[in-house]
């Protein structure tokens, strides 16, 4: 089927990761892709040397918020082009945080250039917000029935990602998170792990980035889609660009409801394919519900081996 227009794969969802999946040298396995040229397109749209970030930058530089978002986006787009070139066109698309922008580009609601420019604005604005009001994030595992409700008793702590029935990530001030790390067992969580991130994402501490992001969303040109894209904010599918402007704006300071978004996929979706880099979302979705097959290709050859 290579070279022909593929039909929608109604049983497949493509997963698009957030910035936490990127690391130094992440682009090396994908440099052999026939679609590596997308990196230059992202660079031209943003003025950022994305190829250097993917191939040469050290860990500290590539995981910086603004850099990580563009680098992750570029890799995810390469992986998606490789997947569809092999004849697999997923009907369903689901991203996590930054990955939601990638999913909208894959769906055709945003062009590659528009997506890259939005992500560049978002990443830079979030980095500035993080410097203005320092904070971080903590992953919580093994929550008891009322463990999430107990988080509301802490000052300076907000739920940022709901990744499973017993797994959430919280954002907060350094003081608030220190309190959480000390008392998480009292609140009903078995394990708490501080994450090496540069800010308190998906929380009110990102509010200083709102104006820049909203202005960029208003300037963007939107298209239509026949894909089904499920939103982070409400765990529902949306196709109207006006709705997506609002959803992407709200996502900046609202929790990523990944549990609800995954459960919103119909039972007929039996296959997941995670775009590069990494396999974080494959692990998360596996713990939420069962699938027949799950793929997280490490290079173009593995992506191309997925049969339509």
Protein backbone atom coordinates (compact mmCIF):
# COMPACT_ATOMS: atom_id res chain seq x y z
CA UNK A 1 0.00 0.00 0.00
CA UNK A 2 3.03 2.28 0.09
CA UNK A 3 2.38 5.29 -2.12
CA UNK A 4 -1.41 4.86 -2.13
CA UNK A 5 -3.92 6.84 -0.08
CA UNK A 6 -4.52 4.71 3.02
CA UNK A 7 -7.94 4.19 4.53
CA UNK A 8 -8.57 5.09 8.13
CA UNK A 9 -7.58 2.40 10.61
CA UNK A 10 -10.65 2.51 12.86
CA UNK A 11 -9.03 0.31 15.53
CA UNK A 12 -5.83 2.36 15.93
CA UNK A 13 -5.01 5.34 18.13
CA UNK A 14 -1.79 7.30 17.67
CA UNK A 15 -0.31 8.57 20.95
CA UNK A 16 1.73 11.78 21.03
CA UNK A 17 4.05 12.26 24.05
CA UNK A 18 4.75 15.33 26.12
CA UNK A 19 8.10 17.00 26.68
CA UNK A 20 9.09 14.67 29.51
CA UNK A 21 9.94 11.91 27.03
CA UNK A 22 12.88 13.71 25.36
CA UNK A 23 16.54 13.16 26.16
CA UNK A 24 19.97 13.86 24.68
CA UNK A 25 20.54 12.25 21.28
CA UNK A 26 16.87 11.35 20.83
CA UNK A 27 17.00 12.27 17.16
CA UNK A 28 19.83 9.91 16.20
CA UNK A 29 17.67 6.80 15.59
CA UNK A 30 15.29 8.82 13.40
CA UNK A 31 17.86 10.58 11.21
CA UNK A 32 17.49 7.75 8.68
CA UNK A 33 13.80 8.53 8.21
CA UNK A 34 12.64 9.61 4.79
CA UNK A 35 10.87 12.41 6.64
CA UNK A 36 13.85 13.82 8.55
CA UNK A 37 13.44 16.95 6.42
CA UNK A 38 10.55 17.94 8.69
CA UNK A 39 13.19 19.03 11.21
CA UNK A 40 14.36 21.73 8.81
CA UNK A 41 10.76 22.85 8.29
CA UNK A 42 10.23 23.23 12.04
CA UNK A 43 13.51 25.15 12.26
CA UNK A 44 12.52 27.48 9.43
CA UNK A 45 9.15 28.21 11.07
CA UNK A 46 10.67 29.02 14.47
CA UNK A 47 14.27 30.13 13.93
CA UNK A 48 15.51 27.38 16.27
CA UNK A 49 18.21 24.88 15.23
CA UNK A 50 16.10 21.84 16.00
CA UNK A 51 18.52 19.40 14.34
CA UNK A 52 21.25 20.45 16.76
CA UNK A 53 18.89 19.98 19.70
CA UNK A 54 18.03 16.48 18.53
CA UNK A 55 21.53 15.35 17.66
CA UNK A 56 24.13 17.39 19.55
CA UNK A 57 22.65 19.12 22.60
CA UNK A 58 23.45 17.70 26.03
CA UNK A 59 20.77 16.54 28.45
CA UNK A 60 20.53 19.84 30.33
CA UNK A 61 19.96 21.84 27.16
CA UNK A 62 17.51 19.53 25.41
CA UNK A 63 15.21 19.07 28.42
CA UNK A 64 14.86 22.83 28.94
CA UNK A 65 11.16 23.60 28.53
CA UNK A 66 11.30 25.64 25.32
CA UNK A 67 13.82 23.31 23.66
CA UNK A 68 12.15 20.08 24.77
CA UNK A 69 8.78 21.05 23.35
CA UNK A 70 10.04 21.81 19.84
CA UNK A 71 12.38 18.81 19.75
CA UNK A 72 9.65 16.43 20.89
CA UNK A 73 7.17 17.87 18.39
CA UNK A 74 9.59 17.45 15.49
CA UNK A 75 10.30 13.81 16.35
CA UNK A 76 6.62 12.99 16.80
CA UNK A 77 5.84 14.43 13.37
CA UNK A 78 8.60 12.37 11.77
CA UNK A 79 7.25 9.22 13.40
CA UNK A 80 3.70 9.97 12.32
CA UNK A 81 4.72 10.59 8.70
CA UNK A 82 6.62 7.29 8.75
CA UNK A 83 3.55 5.50 10.11
CA UNK A 84 1.14 6.90 7.53
CA UNK A 85 3.61 6.42 4.68
CA UNK A 86 3.55 2.72 5.55
CA UNK A 87 -0.21 2.63 5.06
CA UNK A 88 -1.47 3.06 8.64
CA UNK A 89 -3.74 6.09 9.12
CA UNK A 90 -5.15 6.08 12.65
CA UNK A 91 -8.66 7.42 13.00
CA UNK A 92 -8.00 8.33 16.64
CA UNK A 93 -5.32 10.72 17.94
CA UNK A 94 -4.47 11.40 21.58
CA UNK A 95 -1.70 13.61 22.93
CA UNK A 96 -0.42 14.31 26.42
CA UNK A 97 0.12 18.01 27.19
CA UNK A 98 2.47 19.24 24.43
CA UNK A 99 1.47 16.10 22.51
CA UNK A 100 -1.98 17.56 22.03
CA UNK A 101 -0.47 20.16 19.68
CA UNK A 102 1.29 17.35 17.79
CA UNK A 103 -2.00 15.46 17.51
CA UNK A 104 -3.74 18.53 16.06
CA UNK A 105 -1.03 18.88 13.40
CA UNK A 106 -1.33 15.18 12.57
CA UNK A 107 -5.09 15.64 12.26
CA UNK A 108 -4.71 18.56 9.85
CA UNK A 109 -6.39 21.06 12.18
CA UNK A 110 -3.06 22.89 12.25
CA UNK A 111 -0.32 22.95 9.62
CA UNK A 112 3.20 21.89 10.57
CA UNK A 113 4.35 25.53 10.48
CA UNK A 114 1.42 26.76 12.56
CA UNK A 115 1.95 24.01 15.10
CA UNK A 116 5.66 24.75 15.35
CA UNK A 117 5.06 28.47 15.85
CA UNK A 118 2.43 27.86 18.53
CA UNK A 119 4.71 25.46 20.36
CA UNK A 120 7.62 27.90 20.20
CA UNK A 121 5.46 30.63 21.77
CA UNK A 122 4.05 28.23 24.36
CA UNK A 123 7.43 26.81 25.35
CA UNK A 124 9.09 30.21 25.69
CA UNK A 125 6.17 31.67 27.65
CA UNK A 126 6.09 28.68 30.00
CA UNK A 127 9.83 28.93 30.58
CA UNK A 128 9.49 32.62 31.48
CA UNK A 129 6.58 31.85 33.83
CA UNK A 130 8.64 29.16 35.52
CA UNK A 131 11.52 31.59 36.10
CA UNK A 132 9.15 34.23 37.48
CA UNK A 133 7.48 31.84 39.95
CA UNK A 134 9.72 28.84 40.61
CA UNK A 135 8.05 25.49 41.14
CA UNK A 136 8.29 21.85 40.20
CA UNK A 137 6.33 18.58 40.00
CA UNK A 138 5.97 15.35 41.98
CA UNK A 139 4.61 12.00 40.79
CA UNK A 140 2.33 10.17 43.21
CA UNK A 141 1.62 6.43 42.99
CA UNK A 142 -0.62 3.97 44.78
CA UNK A 143 -3.32 6.34 45.94
CA UNK A 144 -6.06 5.19 48.26
CA UNK A 145 -9.71 5.99 47.52
CA UNK A 146 -9.65 9.51 49.00
CA UNK A 147 -5.98 10.26 48.41
CA UNK A 148 -6.59 12.76 45.62
CA UNK A 149 -9.08 14.73 47.69
CA UNK A 150 -6.48 15.04 50.44
CA UNK A 151 -4.19 17.02 48.15
CA UNK A 152 -6.60 19.96 48.39
CA UNK A 153 -5.54 20.41 52.02
CA UNK A 154 -2.02 21.42 51.00
CA UNK A 155 -1.03 25.00 50.21
CA UNK A 156 0.73 25.64 46.90
CA UNK A 157 0.00 22.21 45.41
CA UNK A 158 -2.28 21.41 42.43
CA UNK A 159 -3.11 18.25 40.48
CA UNK A 160 -1.42 18.56 37.07
CA UNK A 161 -1.79 15.16 35.36
CA UNK A 162 -4.29 12.40 36.08
CA UNK A 163 -2.47 9.49 34.45
CA UNK A 164 -4.35 6.60 36.05
CA UNK A 165 -6.75 5.60 38.78
CA UNK A 166 -3.91 5.55 41.31
CA UNK A 167 -1.33 7.72 39.58
CA UNK A 168 -1.27 11.51 39.45
CA UNK A 169 1.37 14.18 38.97
CA UNK A 170 1.09 17.36 41.00
CA UNK A 171 2.63 20.78 40.46
CA UNK A 172 3.44 23.29 43.13
CA UNK A 173 5.75 25.70 44.83
CA UNK A 174 8.95 24.24 46.23
CA UNK A 175 7.61 24.73 49.74
CA UNK A 176 4.31 23.02 48.96
CA UNK A 177 5.97 20.06 47.30
CA UNK A 178 8.43 19.65 50.17
CA UNK A 179 5.43 19.38 52.49
CA UNK A 180 3.85 16.80 50.18
CA UNK A 181 7.02 14.69 49.98
CA UNK A 182 7.19 14.63 53.76
CA UNK A 183 3.53 13.79 54.37
CA UNK A 184 2.37 11.88 51.26
CA UNK A 185 1.81 8.63 53.18
CA UNK A 186 -0.43 10.42 55.64
CA UNK A 187 -2.52 11.54 52.65
CA UNK A 188 -2.89 8.00 51.33
CA UNK A 189 -0.12 7.77 48.70
CA UNK A 190 2.35 4.89 48.80
CA UNK A 191 5.07 6.61 46.81
CA UNK A 192 6.08 10.16 45.91
CA UNK A 193 8.88 11.00 43.47
CA UNK A 194 10.21 14.46 42.72
CA UNK A 195 10.49 15.02 38.96
CA UNK A 196 13.44 16.80 37.31
CA UNK A 197 11.36 19.43 35.50
CA UNK A 198 11.77 23.17 35.10
CA UNK A 199 8.43 24.39 36.37
CA UNK A 200 5.00 23.79 37.90
CA UNK A 201 3.22 22.97 34.65
CA UNK A 202 -0.58 22.72 34.30
CA UNK A 203 -1.10 24.78 37.43
CA UNK A 204 -1.97 28.40 38.28
CA UNK A 205 1.77 29.16 38.38
CA UNK A 206 1.70 29.05 34.55
CA UNK A 207 -0.82 31.92 34.39
CA UNK A 208 1.85 34.49 33.36
CA UNK A 209 2.18 32.57 30.07
CA UNK A 210 -1.54 32.86 29.28
CA UNK A 211 -1.61 36.12 27.34
CA UNK A 212 1.18 35.14 24.95
CA UNK A 213 -0.35 31.73 24.27
CA UNK A 214 -3.86 33.10 23.78
CA UNK A 215 -2.62 35.74 21.33
CA UNK A 216 -0.79 33.08 19.31
CA UNK A 217 -3.87 30.83 19.29
CA UNK A 218 -5.98 33.70 17.94
CA UNK A 219 -3.46 34.40 15.15
CA UNK A 220 -3.29 30.76 14.05
CA UNK A 221 -4.98 29.54 10.89
CA UNK A 222 -7.06 26.40 11.43
CA UNK A 223 -8.24 23.62 9.14
CA UNK A 224 -10.72 20.77 9.41
CA UNK A 225 -10.31 17.09 10.11
CA UNK A 226 -11.88 13.65 9.73
CA UNK A 227 -9.76 12.29 12.59
CA UNK A 228 -11.06 11.96 16.12
CA UNK A 229 -8.89 13.96 18.53
CA UNK A 230 -9.60 13.57 22.26
CA UNK A 231 -8.83 16.58 24.46
CA UNK A 232 -6.78 16.67 27.66
CA UNK A 233 -8.97 19.16 29.48
CA UNK A 234 -12.29 17.32 29.37
CA UNK A 235 -11.56 13.83 27.99
CA UNK A 236 -13.88 14.38 25.02
CA UNK A 237 -13.45 14.44 21.24
CA UNK A 238 -13.58 17.83 19.50
CA UNK A 239 -13.31 18.90 15.86
CA UNK A 240 -14.31 22.58 15.91
CA UNK A 241 -11.25 24.90 15.75
CA UNK A 242 -13.04 27.42 17.98
CA UNK A 243 -13.34 24.77 20.67
CA UNK A 244 -9.68 23.82 20.29
CA UNK A 245 -8.56 27.42 20.79
CA UNK A 246 -10.31 27.41 24.13
CA UNK A 247 -9.15 23.90 25.08
CA UNK A 248 -5.49 24.63 24.35
CA UNK A 249 -5.73 27.86 26.32
CA UNK A 250 -7.32 26.14 29.31
CA UNK A 251 -4.82 23.29 29.16
CA UNK A 252 -2.01 25.65 30.17
CA UNK A 253 -3.23 25.91 33.77
CA UNK A 254 -5.62 22.92 33.96
CA UNK A 255 -4.91 19.26 34.71
CA UNK A 256 -4.19 16.81 31.88
CA UNK A 257 -7.06 14.33 32.30
CA UNK A 258 -5.25 11.51 30.50
CA UNK A 259 -7.19 8.80 32.34
CA UNK A 260 -10.53 10.15 31.12
CA UNK A 261 -9.20 10.78 27.61
CA UNK A 262 -7.99 7.18 27.29
CA UNK A 263 -11.27 5.81 28.61
CA UNK A 264 -13.11 7.97 26.06
CA UNK A 265 -11.67 5.87 23.22
CA UNK A 266 -14.29 3.39 21.99
CA UNK A 267 -13.89 -0.31 22.77
CA UNK A 268 -13.24 -0.88 19.06
CA UNK A 269 -9.82 0.81 19.42
CA UNK A 270 -7.55 -2.17 20.06
CA UNK A 271 -4.12 -0.91 18.91
CA UNK A 272 -1.93 1.94 20.16
CA UNK A 273 1.09 3.34 18.33
CA UNK A 274 3.20 5.82 20.28
CA UNK A 275 5.11 8.44 18.37
CA UNK A 276 8.75 9.14 19.28
CA UNK A 277 10.44 9.79 21.56
CA UNK A 278 9.95 7.15 24.24
CA UNK A 279 7.23 4.81 25.42
CA UNK A 280 5.74 6.62 28.44
CA UNK A 281 2.19 6.75 27.08
CA UNK A 282 2.27 3.09 26.11
CA UNK A 283 2.85 2.23 29.75
CA UNK A 284 0.16 4.63 30.97
CA UNK A 285 -2.52 3.39 28.59
CA UNK A 286 -1.68 -0.24 29.38
CA UNK A 287 -2.52 0.38 33.02
CA UNK A 288 -5.80 2.14 32.15
CA UNK A 289 -7.41 -0.43 29.84
CA UNK A 290 -6.50 -3.45 27.73
CA UNK A 291 -5.41 -3.34 24.10
CA UNK A 292 -4.60 -6.18 21.71
CA UNK A 293 -1.36 -4.63 20.45
CA UNK A 294 0.77 -1.71 21.59
CA UNK A 295 3.73 -0.31 19.69
CA UNK A 296 6.38 2.25 20.66
CA UNK A 297 8.81 2.11 17.70
CA UNK A 298 12.39 3.07 18.48
CA UNK A 299 13.37 3.91 14.87
CA UNK A 300 11.94 4.25 11.35
CA UNK A 301 12.39 0.56 10.57
CA UNK A 302 10.26 -0.46 13.55
CA UNK A 303 7.62 2.12 12.64
CA UNK A 304 7.56 0.92 9.04
CA UNK A 305 7.13 -2.68 10.17
CA UNK A 306 3.68 -1.97 11.63
CA UNK A 307 1.28 -3.63 9.20
CA UNK A 308 -1.81 -1.80 7.91
